[in-house]
Amino acid sequence: TKEGYEVKMVADGQELMDLLKTYKPHLIILDLLMPKKDGFEALKEIKADPNLKSIPIIIASNLGQTNDIDQGMNLGANDYIVKSDLSLEDLVKKIKDLIN
């Protein structure tokens, strides 16, 4: 929000999908470990929807294994960040690169 972006947060993957029925964000930062519907499943649904598939998605997760990163990227994520390696400045730069 300090960078001038409107930020909406959801508690789980199902809440994300419900929000996307009425709101189309410029970008999604997606965690993978969420209740009700995990990030992989939400990512699959977003990329399968013609109205949503063009939204850039950055996965931000503590899952840093190669197979998790590969799966996220193969499902259509634009970038993958391991949260423990993340600085706020790096995240803001990635956001700006994807939506500007």
C-alpha atoms as a PDB file:
ATOM      1  CA  THR A   1       0.000   0.000   0.000  1.00  0.00           C
ATOM      2  CA  LYS A   2       2.937   2.348   0.593  1.00  0.00           C
ATOM      3  CA  GLU A   3       3.701   2.040  -3.134  1.00  0.00           C
ATOM      4  CA  GLY A   4       0.177   3.149  -4.032  1.00  0.00           C
ATOM      5  CA  TYR A   5      -1.329  -0.255  -4.749  1.00  0.00           C
ATOM      6  CA  GLU A   6      -4.734  -1.359  -3.514  1.00  0.00           C
ATOM      7  CA  VAL A   7      -4.224  -4.574  -1.567  1.00  0.00           C
ATOM      8  CA  LYS A   8      -6.900  -7.164  -0.859  1.00  0.00           C
ATOM      9  CA  MET A   9      -6.139 -10.174   1.307  1.00  0.00           C
ATOM     10  CA  VAL A  10      -7.941 -13.489   1.576  1.00  0.00           C
ATOM     11  CA  ALA A  11      -7.570 -16.267   4.117  1.00  0.00           C
ATOM     12  CA  ASP A  12      -7.663 -19.284   1.813  1.00  0.00           C
ATOM     13  CA  GLY A  13      -7.830 -20.469  -1.760  1.00  0.00           C
ATOM     14  CA  GLN A  14     -11.620 -20.786  -1.815  1.00  0.00           C
ATOM     15  CA  GLU A  15     -11.989 -17.205  -0.606  1.00  0.00           C
ATOM     16  CA  LEU A  16      -9.625 -16.135  -3.408  1.00  0.00           C
ATOM     17  CA  MET A  17     -11.743 -17.859  -6.036  1.00  0.00           C
ATOM     18  CA  ASP A  18     -14.909 -16.299  -4.585  1.00  0.00           C
ATOM     19  CA  LEU A  19     -13.307 -12.829  -4.702  1.00  0.00           C
ATOM     20  CA  LEU A  20     -12.238 -13.327  -8.316  1.00  0.00           C
ATOM     21  CA  LYS A  21     -15.897 -13.733  -9.323  1.00  0.00           C
ATOM     22  CA  THR A  22     -16.442 -10.013  -8.692  1.00  0.00           C
ATOM     23  CA  TYR A  23     -12.967  -8.456  -8.667  1.00  0.00           C
ATOM     24  CA  LYS A  24     -10.147  -8.726 -11.201  1.00  0.00           C
ATOM     25  CA  PRO A  25      -6.811  -7.641  -9.715  1.00  0.00           C
ATOM     26  CA  HIS A  26      -3.812  -6.461 -11.711  1.00  0.00           C
ATOM     27  CA  LEU A  27      -1.666  -9.123  -9.994  1.00  0.00           C
ATOM     28  CA  ILE A  28      -1.982 -11.958  -7.475  1.00  0.00           C
ATOM     29  CA  ILE A  29       0.610 -12.913  -4.871  1.00  0.00           C
ATOM     30  CA  LEU A  30      -0.253 -16.499  -4.088  1.00  0.00           C
ATOM     31  CA  ASP A  31       0.805 -18.687  -1.180  1.00  0.00           C
ATOM     32  CA  LEU A  32       0.709 -22.437  -1.714  1.00  0.00           C
ATOM     33  CA  LEU A  33      -0.079 -23.649   1.799  1.00  0.00           C
ATOM     34  CA  MET A  34      -3.638 -22.485   2.399  1.00  0.00           C
ATOM     35  CA  PRO A  35      -6.693 -24.146   3.923  1.00  0.00           C
ATOM     36  CA  LYS A  36      -9.754 -25.268   1.939  1.00  0.00           C
ATOM     37  CA  LYS A  37      -8.012 -24.968  -1.448  1.00  0.00           C
ATOM     38  CA  ASP A  38      -4.241 -24.871  -1.779  1.00  0.00           C
ATOM     39  CA  GLY A  39      -2.351 -22.503  -4.048  1.00  0.00           C
ATOM     40  CA  PHE A  40      -1.660 -25.108  -6.716  1.00  0.00           C
ATOM     41  CA  GLU A  41      -5.374 -25.813  -7.093  1.00  0.00           C
ATOM     42  CA  ALA A  42      -6.267 -22.101  -7.118  1.00  0.00           C
ATOM     43  CA  LEU A  43      -3.563 -21.474  -9.735  1.00  0.00           C
ATOM     44  CA  LYS A  44      -4.968 -24.260 -11.942  1.00  0.00           C
ATOM     45  CA  GLU A  45      -8.459 -22.766 -11.716  1.00  0.00           C
ATOM     46  CA  ILE A  46      -7.279 -19.227 -12.448  1.00  0.00           C
ATOM     47  CA  LYS A  47      -5.270 -20.259 -15.499  1.00  0.00           C
ATOM     48  CA  ALA A  48      -8.177 -22.385 -16.792  1.00  0.00           C
ATOM     49  CA  ASP A  49     -10.565 -19.407 -16.688  1.00  0.00           C
ATOM     50  CA  PRO A  50     -10.429 -17.275 -19.870  1.00  0.00           C
ATOM     51  CA  ASN A  51     -11.412 -14.166 -17.875  1.00  0.00           C
ATOM     52  CA  LEU A  52      -8.640 -14.623 -15.296  1.00  0.00           C
ATOM     53  CA  LYS A  53      -5.784 -16.408 -17.026  1.00  0.00           C
ATOM     54  CA  SER A  54      -4.009 -13.194 -18.045  1.00  0.00           C
ATOM     55  CA  ILE A  55      -3.596 -11.999 -14.427  1.00  0.00           C
ATOM     56  CA  PRO A  56       0.099 -12.183 -13.500  1.00  0.00           C
ATOM     57  CA  ILE A  57       0.741 -14.438 -10.498  1.00  0.00           C
ATOM     58  CA  ILE A  58       3.725 -14.435  -8.174  1.00  0.00           C
ATOM     59  CA  ILE A  59       3.925 -17.458  -5.904  1.00  0.00           C
ATOM     60  CA  ALA A  60       5.338 -16.536  -2.502  1.00  0.00           C
ATOM     61  CA  SER A  61       5.817 -19.699  -0.468  1.00  0.00           C
ATOM     62  CA  ASN A  62       8.040 -21.356   2.084  1.00  0.00           C
ATOM     63  CA  LEU A  63       8.051 -24.418  -0.183  1.00  0.00           C
ATOM     64  CA  GLY A  64      11.404 -24.029  -1.889  1.00  0.00           C
ATOM     65  CA  GLN A  65      11.989 -27.519  -3.254  1.00  0.00           C
ATOM     66  CA  THR A  66      12.714 -27.724  -6.971  1.00  0.00           C
ATOM     67  CA  ASN A  67       9.624 -29.853  -7.654  1.00  0.00           C
ATOM     68  CA  ASP A  68       7.344 -27.246  -5.976  1.00  0.00           C
ATOM     69  CA  ILE A  69       8.931 -24.405  -7.951  1.00  0.00           C
ATOM     70  CA  ASP A  70       8.702 -26.373 -11.199  1.00  0.00           C
ATOM     71  CA  GLN A  71       5.072 -27.290 -10.556  1.00  0.00           C
ATOM     72  CA  GLY A  72       4.111 -23.677  -9.839  1.00  0.00           C
ATOM     73  CA  MET A  73       5.872 -22.371 -12.936  1.00  0.00           C
ATOM     74  CA  ASN A  74       4.461 -25.157 -15.126  1.00  0.00           C
ATOM     75  CA  LEU A  75       0.953 -24.286 -13.941  1.00  0.00           C
ATOM     76  CA  GLY A  76       1.425 -20.729 -15.192  1.00  0.00           C
ATOM     77  CA  ALA A  77       2.920 -18.633 -12.409  1.00  0.00           C
ATOM     78  CA  ASN A  78       4.972 -15.683 -13.647  1.00  0.00           C
ATOM     79  CA  ASP A  79       7.462 -15.859 -10.792  1.00  0.00           C
ATOM     80  CA  TYR A  80       8.192 -17.913  -7.682  1.00  0.00           C
ATOM     81  CA  ILE A  81       9.647 -16.462  -4.515  1.00  0.00           C
ATOM     82  CA  VAL A  82      10.726 -18.422  -1.458  1.00  0.00           C
ATOM     83  CA  LYS A  83       9.491 -16.260   1.424  1.00  0.00           C
ATOM     84  CA  SER A  84      12.573 -16.796   3.590  1.00  0.00           C
ATOM     85  CA  ASP A  85      14.694 -15.328   0.762  1.00  0.00           C
ATOM     86  CA  LEU A  86      12.331 -12.405   0.144  1.00  0.00           C
ATOM     87  CA  SER A  87      12.957  -8.743   0.797  1.00  0.00           C
ATOM     88  CA  LEU A  88      10.113  -6.276   0.498  1.00  0.00           C
ATOM     89  CA  GLU A  89      12.135  -4.245  -1.992  1.00  0.00           C
ATOM     90  CA  ASP A  90      12.587  -7.300  -4.248  1.00  0.00           C
ATOM     91  CA  LEU A  91       8.869  -8.054  -4.105  1.00  0.00           C
ATOM     92  CA  VAL A  92       7.937  -4.481  -5.032  1.00  0.00           C
ATOM     93  CA  LYS A  93      10.360  -4.588  -7.967  1.00  0.00           C
ATOM     94  CA  LYS A  94       8.866  -7.871  -9.228  1.00  0.00           C
ATOM     95  CA  ILE A  95       5.357  -6.415  -8.931  1.00  0.00           C
ATOM     96  CA  LYS A  96       6.329  -3.293 -10.856  1.00  0.00           C
ATOM     97  CA  ASP A  97       8.041  -5.357 -13.543  1.00  0.00           C
ATOM     98  CA  LEU A  98       4.906  -7.459 -14.078  1.00  0.00           C
ATOM     99  CA  ILE A  99       2.211  -4.771 -14.087  1.00  0.00           C
ATOM    100  CA  ASN A 100       3.933  -1.740 -15.564  1.00  0.00           C
END
